[in-house]
Amino acid sequence: MTIKDGKNLYAKVVWTTSDVQDLFDVNEEQAAEFLNNNERNIQDRMVELGWSVIEDLGHFEGLKRKEI
């Protein structure tokens, strides 16, 4: 994977203040503060869940799991 030039990156995800406002009764400033305060937690959790999804989908497609 090449992160430096942005090539070979897949399944990029971003969150907006509107996403937060769809779930919570907050204004745009509060939503931005929420995202700013929780950005690292959101990233960490998304990575955890992403590995689980990749593993499940690889299994469904019959990919051979590496021995770790």
Protein backbone atom coordinates (compact mmCIF):
# COMPACT_ATOMS: atom_id res chain seq x y z
CA MET A 1 0.00 0.00 0.00
CA THR A 2 1.25 3.46 -0.84
CA ILE A 3 -0.05 6.10 1.54
CA LYS A 4 2.38 8.88 0.59
CA ASP A 5 0.90 9.57 -2.84
CA GLY A 6 -2.63 8.36 -2.10
CA LYS A 7 -2.49 5.46 -4.55
CA ASN A 8 -3.79 2.01 -3.69
CA LEU A 9 -6.03 3.32 -0.91
CA TYR A 10 -9.48 1.79 -0.68
CA ALA A 11 -12.69 2.27 1.29
CA LYS A 12 -11.97 5.83 2.39
CA VAL A 13 -14.51 7.21 4.87
CA VAL A 14 -15.11 10.72 6.17
CA TRP A 15 -17.66 12.11 8.61
CA THR A 16 -19.32 15.49 8.52
CA THR A 17 -21.14 17.66 11.00
CA SER A 18 -24.34 16.75 9.15
CA ASP A 19 -23.77 13.09 10.01
CA VAL A 20 -23.64 13.96 13.70
CA GLN A 21 -26.67 16.21 13.38
CA ASP A 22 -28.62 13.34 11.79
CA LEU A 23 -28.17 11.38 15.03
CA PHE A 24 -28.11 14.06 17.71
CA ASP A 25 -29.95 17.29 18.42
CA VAL A 26 -26.92 19.56 18.12
CA ASN A 27 -26.01 22.60 16.08
CA GLU A 28 -23.16 22.65 13.56
CA GLU A 29 -20.67 24.09 16.06
CA GLN A 30 -21.48 21.39 18.62
CA ALA A 31 -21.25 18.69 15.97
CA ALA A 32 -17.84 19.98 14.86
CA GLU A 33 -16.63 20.04 18.47
CA PHE A 34 -17.87 16.48 18.95
CA LEU A 35 -16.02 15.27 15.85
CA ASN A 36 -12.88 17.15 16.83
CA ASN A 37 -12.95 15.76 20.38
CA ASN A 38 -13.62 12.20 19.22
CA GLU A 39 -11.71 12.01 15.94
CA ARG A 40 -9.06 9.62 17.23
CA ASN A 41 -11.63 7.35 18.90
CA ILE A 42 -13.68 7.23 15.71
CA GLN A 43 -10.59 6.38 13.64
CA ASP A 44 -9.46 3.66 16.05
CA ARG A 45 -12.88 2.01 16.15
CA MET A 46 -13.31 2.19 12.38
CA VAL A 47 -9.95 0.44 11.91
CA GLU A 48 -10.97 -2.31 14.36
CA LEU A 49 -14.26 -2.87 12.57
CA GLY A 50 -12.59 -2.61 9.16
CA TRP A 51 -10.23 -5.50 9.93
CA SER A 52 -13.20 -7.60 11.00
CA VAL A 53 -15.08 -6.81 7.78
CA ILE A 54 -12.00 -7.58 5.63
CA GLU A 55 -11.58 -10.91 7.44
CA ASP A 56 -15.25 -11.85 7.02
CA LEU A 57 -15.37 -10.87 3.34
CA GLY A 58 -12.12 -12.69 2.60
CA HIS A 59 -13.58 -15.80 4.21
CA PHE A 60 -16.80 -15.47 2.16
CA GLU A 61 -14.71 -15.17 -1.03
CA GLY A 62 -12.68 -18.24 -0.15
CA LEU A 63 -9.35 -16.48 0.42
CA LYS A 64 -6.80 -18.59 2.28
CA ARG A 65 -5.97 -17.12 5.67
CA LYS A 66 -2.27 -16.60 6.43
CA GLU A 67 -0.82 -18.33 9.45
CA ILE A 68 0.15 -15.68 11.95
